[in-house]
Amino acid sequence: MSYGEVVPAARASGVGTSSALAAGPVQAVVTQHTRDGVRVVAAHGSCDAQSIGRLEEALTTAAWTHAKVVLDVSGITFADSSLLNLLILTHRAGALRLAAPRPYLQRLLHITGLDAVLHVRATVEEAAAC
């Protein structure tokens, strides 16, 4: 068996991987609802390159179907440049507002200058109203 045959066979059988890795990355939990014509998307958990898929799908759909989108980020426990990139892309596609960022996320937004570009508010209600 060549290397090209062994590696895929090992991956398929789970050799060399933990059960958590074999199951795939843990996705951020995303909930959505519409409030007074505004689409509210809430993310919970980690938002990095491995876990942002569901949030990306939800924001992309929301930006295409609603004039205003609020992202409730109060439940995000970790974020990296993947989230920042998604925020920029969503902002370009439509009216994105951020609600209730934790202090570490506020700092990340400030360091990158995104707090000057995005509408960031303390609550979902304030974000929906602006």
Protein backbone atom coordinates (compact mmCIF):
# COMPACT_ATOMS: atom_id res chain seq x y z
CA MET A 1 0.00 0.00 0.00
CA SER A 2 1.35 3.45 -0.88
CA TYR A 3 1.29 6.52 1.39
CA GLY A 4 -1.55 7.92 -0.71
CA GLU A 5 -3.62 4.82 0.05
CA VAL A 6 -2.66 4.43 3.73
CA VAL A 7 -3.50 7.95 4.94
CA PRO A 8 -7.07 8.03 3.57
CA ALA A 9 -7.68 4.48 4.85
CA ALA A 10 -6.39 5.42 8.32
CA ARG A 11 -8.53 8.56 8.40
CA ALA A 12 -11.61 6.61 7.35
CA SER A 13 -11.05 4.08 10.14
CA GLY A 14 -10.32 6.75 12.75
CA VAL A 15 -6.73 5.64 13.39
CA GLY A 16 -4.70 8.45 14.90
CA THR A 17 -7.65 10.69 15.75
CA SER A 18 -9.59 11.24 18.92
CA SER A 19 -13.32 10.65 18.84
CA ALA A 20 -13.89 14.41 19.19
CA LEU A 21 -11.78 15.18 16.14
CA ALA A 22 -13.28 12.35 14.15
CA ALA A 23 -16.73 13.84 14.73
CA GLY A 24 -15.61 17.16 13.19
CA PRO A 25 -15.28 20.63 14.68
CA VAL A 26 -17.74 21.79 17.30
CA GLN A 27 -19.90 24.39 15.61
CA ALA A 28 -21.04 27.57 17.29
CA VAL A 29 -24.66 27.31 18.43
CA VAL A 30 -26.81 29.73 16.45
CA THR A 31 -30.38 30.80 17.14
CA GLN A 32 -32.48 33.16 15.06
CA HIS A 33 -35.77 35.04 15.20
CA THR A 34 -37.40 38.06 13.62
CA ARG A 35 -38.40 41.00 15.80
CA ASP A 36 -40.30 43.95 14.29
CA GLY A 37 -38.89 43.17 10.83
CA VAL A 38 -35.30 42.90 12.09
CA ARG A 39 -33.53 39.54 11.86
CA VAL A 40 -31.82 38.74 15.15
CA VAL A 41 -29.09 36.10 15.04
CA ALA A 42 -27.49 34.98 18.31
CA ALA A 43 -24.23 33.06 18.50
CA HIS A 44 -23.05 31.01 21.45
CA GLY A 45 -19.67 29.39 21.96
CA SER A 46 -16.46 29.60 20.00
CA CYS A 47 -16.26 31.45 16.67
CA ASP A 48 -13.05 30.46 14.93
CA ALA A 49 -12.14 28.98 11.55
CA GLN A 50 -13.23 25.50 12.66
CA SER A 51 -16.55 26.45 14.25
CA ILE A 52 -17.97 29.42 12.38
CA GLY A 53 -19.84 27.57 9.61
CA ARG A 54 -23.35 27.75 11.05
CA LEU A 55 -22.98 31.41 11.97
CA GLU A 56 -21.69 32.21 8.50
CA GLU A 57 -24.67 30.47 6.92
CA ALA A 58 -27.16 32.22 9.22
CA LEU A 59 -25.70 35.70 8.66
CA THR A 60 -25.41 35.25 4.91
CA THR A 61 -29.04 34.21 4.65
CA ALA A 62 -30.18 36.98 7.02
CA ALA A 63 -28.29 39.66 5.09
CA TRP A 64 -29.91 38.58 1.83
CA THR A 65 -33.45 38.34 3.22
CA HIS A 66 -33.69 41.23 5.72
CA ALA A 67 -32.92 44.92 5.49
CA LYS A 68 -31.47 44.97 9.00
CA VAL A 69 -29.62 42.21 10.87
CA VAL A 70 -28.65 42.23 14.54
CA LEU A 71 -25.99 39.80 15.72
CA ASP A 72 -26.24 39.14 19.45
CA VAL A 73 -22.65 38.35 20.39
CA SER A 74 -23.20 38.11 24.15
CA GLY A 75 -22.84 34.32 24.06
CA ILE A 76 -19.57 34.20 22.13
CA THR A 77 -16.84 32.78 24.37
CA PHE A 78 -13.95 32.97 21.88
CA ALA A 79 -13.42 34.80 18.61
CA ASP A 80 -10.57 35.14 16.14
CA SER A 81 -10.03 36.74 12.75
CA SER A 82 -12.61 34.38 11.24
CA LEU A 83 -15.36 36.18 13.11
CA LEU A 84 -13.93 39.60 12.25
CA ASN A 85 -13.84 38.66 8.56
CA LEU A 86 -17.43 37.41 8.70
CA LEU A 87 -18.54 40.66 10.35
CA ILE A 88 -16.91 42.73 7.61
CA LEU A 89 -18.42 40.63 4.83
CA THR A 90 -21.88 40.72 6.40
CA HIS A 91 -21.61 44.48 6.95
CA ARG A 92 -20.80 44.93 3.26
CA ALA A 93 -23.82 42.83 2.27
CA GLY A 94 -26.36 44.71 4.40
CA ALA A 95 -27.17 46.61 7.56
CA LEU A 96 -25.41 44.68 10.35
CA ARG A 97 -25.57 45.70 13.99
CA LEU A 98 -23.75 44.03 16.89
CA ALA A 99 -25.38 43.67 20.27
CA ALA A 100 -23.95 43.07 23.73
CA PRO A 101 -20.28 42.26 23.10
CA ARG A 102 -18.32 41.02 26.10
CA PRO A 103 -15.31 43.14 27.15
CA TYR A 104 -12.76 40.95 25.31
CA LEU A 105 -14.76 41.25 22.07
CA GLN A 106 -15.18 45.01 22.56
CA ARG A 107 -11.39 45.21 22.89
CA LEU A 108 -10.88 43.14 19.73
CA LEU A 109 -13.29 45.38 17.82
CA HIS A 110 -11.50 48.48 19.13
CA ILE A 111 -7.98 47.21 18.34
CA THR A 112 -8.99 46.39 14.76
CA GLY A 113 -11.00 49.59 14.28
CA LEU A 114 -14.21 47.69 13.57
CA ASP A 115 -15.98 49.50 16.40
CA ALA A 116 -15.77 52.63 14.22
CA VAL A 117 -17.24 50.83 11.20
CA LEU A 118 -19.94 48.63 12.72
CA HIS A 119 -22.93 49.75 14.77
CA VAL A 120 -22.19 48.27 18.21
CA ARG A 121 -24.81 48.61 20.94
CA ALA A 122 -25.21 47.35 24.51
CA THR A 123 -28.47 45.46 23.93
CA VAL A 124 -30.37 43.75 21.14
CA GLU A 125 -33.15 46.32 21.53
CA GLU A 126 -30.76 49.25 21.07
CA ALA A 127 -29.12 47.57 18.08
CA ALA A 128 -32.48 46.91 16.43
CA ALA A 129 -33.55 50.52 16.95
CA CYS A 130 -30.48 52.14 15.37
